[in-house]
Amino acid sequence: MAKNEYTEARARANKKWDEKHKERTRYLGARSSARSFIRTKATLDDLQELRELINQREAALNEQQ
């Protein structure tokens, strides 16, 4: 049987934090998914497209400053 990584109290605290910080939780999940995709599944074509999207996003963010 697998050992629990967290105590029950820690699990409750994590859930409470997640509920209070939904937007941050979604952001972190999306970032993690993107990084995982790039590291493990992206093809050369995918990486080229992502580079273009990143360049566009950087330009848009720089314009906002």
N, C-alpha and C. Protein backbone atom coordinates (compact mmCIF):
# COMPACT_ATOMS: atom_id res chain seq x y z
N MET A 1 0.84 -1.18 0.00
CA MET A 1 0.00 0.00 0.00
C MET A 1 0.89 1.24 0.00
N ALA A 2 0.50 2.24 -0.79
CA ALA A 2 1.28 3.47 -0.90
C ALA A 2 1.12 4.31 0.36
N LYS A 3 2.20 4.90 0.75
CA LYS A 3 2.19 5.77 1.93
C LYS A 3 1.67 7.15 1.53
N ASN A 4 0.79 7.72 2.36
CA ASN A 4 0.30 9.08 2.09
C ASN A 4 1.45 10.06 2.20
N GLU A 5 1.52 10.96 1.23
CA GLU A 5 2.57 11.97 1.25
C GLU A 5 2.29 13.05 2.28
N TYR A 6 1.00 13.31 2.53
CA TYR A 6 0.61 14.38 3.44
C TYR A 6 -0.23 13.83 4.57
N THR A 7 -0.20 14.54 5.67
CA THR A 7 -1.12 14.21 6.73
C THR A 7 -2.50 14.71 6.31
N GLU A 8 -3.50 14.27 7.01
CA GLU A 8 -4.85 14.71 6.71
C GLU A 8 -4.98 16.23 6.88
N ALA A 9 -4.33 16.76 7.90
CA ALA A 9 -4.37 18.21 8.14
C ALA A 9 -3.71 18.97 6.99
N ARG A 10 -2.60 18.45 6.50
CA ARG A 10 -1.91 19.10 5.39
C ARG A 10 -2.77 19.07 4.13
N ALA A 11 -3.44 17.95 3.89
CA ALA A 11 -4.32 17.84 2.73
C ALA A 11 -5.46 18.85 2.82
N ARG A 12 -6.03 19.02 4.02
CA ARG A 12 -7.10 20.01 4.20
C ARG A 12 -6.57 21.42 3.98
N ALA A 13 -5.38 21.69 4.48
CA ALA A 13 -4.78 23.02 4.31
C ALA A 13 -4.51 23.29 2.83
N ASN A 14 -4.02 22.30 2.11
CA ASN A 14 -3.77 22.47 0.67
C ASN A 14 -5.07 22.75 -0.07
N LYS A 15 -6.11 22.00 0.26
CA LYS A 15 -7.40 22.20 -0.40
C LYS A 15 -7.95 23.60 -0.11
N LYS A 16 -7.81 24.03 1.13
CA LYS A 16 -8.28 25.37 1.50
C LYS A 16 -7.52 26.44 0.72
N TRP A 17 -6.21 26.28 0.61
CA TRP A 17 -5.41 27.25 -0.15
C TRP A 17 -5.84 27.27 -1.61
N ASP A 18 -6.00 26.08 -2.19
CA ASP A 18 -6.43 25.99 -3.59
C ASP A 18 -7.76 26.69 -3.81
N GLU A 19 -8.69 26.52 -2.89
CA GLU A 19 -10.01 27.14 -3.03
C GLU A 19 -9.93 28.66 -2.91
N LYS A 20 -9.04 29.15 -2.08
CA LYS A 20 -8.89 30.60 -1.90
C LYS A 20 -8.10 31.24 -3.04
N HIS A 21 -7.33 30.45 -3.76
CA HIS A 21 -6.45 30.97 -4.81
C HIS A 21 -6.71 30.24 -6.13
N LYS A 22 -7.96 30.22 -6.55
CA LYS A 22 -8.34 29.45 -7.75
C LYS A 22 -7.59 29.91 -9.00
N GLU A 23 -7.49 31.21 -9.18
CA GLU A 23 -6.82 31.71 -10.39
C GLU A 23 -5.35 31.31 -10.39
N ARG A 24 -4.69 31.42 -9.27
CA ARG A 24 -3.27 31.03 -9.17
C ARG A 24 -3.12 29.53 -9.41
N THR A 25 -4.05 28.74 -8.87
CA THR A 25 -4.01 27.29 -9.05
C THR A 25 -4.16 26.94 -10.53
N ARG A 26 -5.09 27.61 -11.22
CA ARG A 26 -5.27 27.37 -12.66
C ARG A 26 -4.02 27.77 -13.44
N TYR A 27 -3.44 28.91 -13.08
CA TYR A 27 -2.22 29.38 -13.74
C TYR A 27 -1.09 28.35 -13.58
N LEU A 28 -0.89 27.89 -12.36
CA LEU A 28 0.18 26.93 -12.11
C LEU A 28 -0.06 25.61 -12.85
N GLY A 29 -1.30 25.18 -12.91
CA GLY A 29 -1.62 23.95 -13.63
C GLY A 29 -1.37 24.08 -15.12
N ALA A 30 -1.76 25.22 -15.68
CA ALA A 30 -1.55 25.45 -17.12
C ALA A 30 -0.06 25.54 -17.42
N ARG A 31 0.68 26.22 -16.57
CA ARG A 31 2.13 26.35 -16.77
C ARG A 31 2.80 24.98 -16.71
N SER A 32 2.39 24.19 -15.76
CA SER A 32 2.95 22.85 -15.61
C SER A 32 2.65 22.00 -16.84
N SER A 33 1.43 22.09 -17.34
CA SER A 33 1.05 21.32 -18.53
C SER A 33 1.87 21.75 -19.75
N ALA A 34 2.05 23.05 -19.90
CA ALA A 34 2.82 23.57 -21.03
C ALA A 34 4.27 23.08 -20.97
N ARG A 35 4.86 23.17 -19.81
CA ARG A 35 6.25 22.74 -19.66
C ARG A 35 6.39 21.24 -19.91
N SER A 36 5.45 20.47 -19.39
CA SER A 36 5.49 19.03 -19.58
C SER A 36 5.35 18.67 -21.06
N PHE A 37 4.44 19.34 -21.74
CA PHE A 37 4.25 19.10 -23.18
C PHE A 37 5.54 19.39 -23.94
N ILE A 38 6.15 20.52 -23.64
CA ILE A 38 7.39 20.90 -24.33
C ILE A 38 8.48 19.87 -24.08
N ARG A 39 8.63 19.45 -22.84
CA ARG A 39 9.69 18.51 -22.49
C ARG A 39 9.49 17.11 -23.04
N THR A 40 8.24 16.66 -23.14
CA THR A 40 8.03 15.23 -23.41
C THR A 40 7.35 14.90 -24.73
N LYS A 41 6.54 15.79 -25.27
CA LYS A 41 5.73 15.41 -26.42
C LYS A 41 5.89 16.29 -27.66
N ALA A 42 6.41 17.48 -27.50
CA ALA A 42 6.47 18.43 -28.61
C ALA A 42 7.37 17.93 -29.74
N THR A 43 6.87 18.10 -30.96
CA THR A 43 7.66 17.81 -32.15
C THR A 43 8.41 19.08 -32.55
N LEU A 44 9.27 18.96 -33.54
CA LEU A 44 9.96 20.15 -34.03
C LEU A 44 8.98 21.19 -34.56
N ASP A 45 7.94 20.72 -35.24
CA ASP A 45 6.92 21.65 -35.74
C ASP A 45 6.21 22.35 -34.58
N ASP A 46 5.89 21.58 -33.54
CA ASP A 46 5.26 22.17 -32.36
C ASP A 46 6.15 23.25 -31.75
N LEU A 47 7.43 22.93 -31.61
CA LEU A 47 8.35 23.88 -31.00
C LEU A 47 8.48 25.16 -31.83
N GLN A 48 8.48 25.02 -33.14
CA GLN A 48 8.54 26.21 -34.01
C GLN A 48 7.29 27.07 -33.81
N GLU A 49 6.14 26.44 -33.79
CA GLU A 49 4.90 27.19 -33.58
C GLU A 49 4.90 27.87 -32.21
N LEU A 50 5.36 27.15 -31.21
CA LEU A 50 5.41 27.73 -29.86
C LEU A 50 6.37 28.92 -29.80
N ARG A 51 7.49 28.83 -30.50
CA ARG A 51 8.43 29.97 -30.55
C ARG A 51 7.74 31.21 -31.12
N GLU A 52 6.98 31.00 -32.19
CA GLU A 52 6.27 32.12 -32.81
C GLU A 52 5.24 32.71 -31.84
N LEU A 53 4.51 31.84 -31.17
CA LEU A 53 3.51 32.31 -30.20
C LEU A 53 4.17 33.05 -29.04
N ILE A 54 5.30 32.54 -28.59
CA ILE A 54 6.02 33.20 -27.49
C ILE A 54 6.50 34.58 -27.93
N ASN A 55 7.03 34.66 -29.13
CA ASN A 55 7.49 35.96 -29.64
C ASN A 55 6.34 36.96 -29.72
N GLN A 56 5.18 36.50 -30.19
CA GLN A 56 4.01 37.37 -30.27
C GLN A 56 3.57 37.83 -28.88
N ARG A 57 3.57 36.90 -27.95
CA ARG A 57 3.15 37.23 -26.58
C ARG A 57 4.11 38.21 -25.94
N GLU A 58 5.41 37.99 -26.14
CA GLU A 58 6.41 38.92 -25.59
C GLU A 58 6.22 40.32 -26.17
N ALA A 59 5.98 40.40 -27.46
CA ALA A 59 5.77 41.70 -28.09
C ALA A 59 4.54 42.39 -27.51
N ALA A 60 3.47 41.64 -27.32
CA ALA A 60 2.25 42.22 -26.75
C ALA A 60 2.49 42.71 -25.32
N LEU A 61 3.21 41.93 -24.54
CA LEU A 61 3.48 42.34 -23.16
C LEU A 61 4.40 43.55 -23.12
N ASN A 62 5.37 43.61 -24.02
CA ASN A 62 6.26 44.77 -24.07
C ASN A 62 5.52 46.04 -24.45
N GLU A 63 4.51 45.91 -25.30
CA GLU A 63 3.70 47.08 -25.69
C GLU A 63 2.89 47.61 -24.51
N GLN A 64 2.51 46.73 -23.61
CA GLN A 64 1.71 47.14 -22.46
C GLN A 64 2.51 47.94 -21.44
N GLN A 65 3.81 47.79 -21.47
CA GLN A 65 4.65 48.47 -20.47
C GLN A 65 4.82 49.92 -20.78
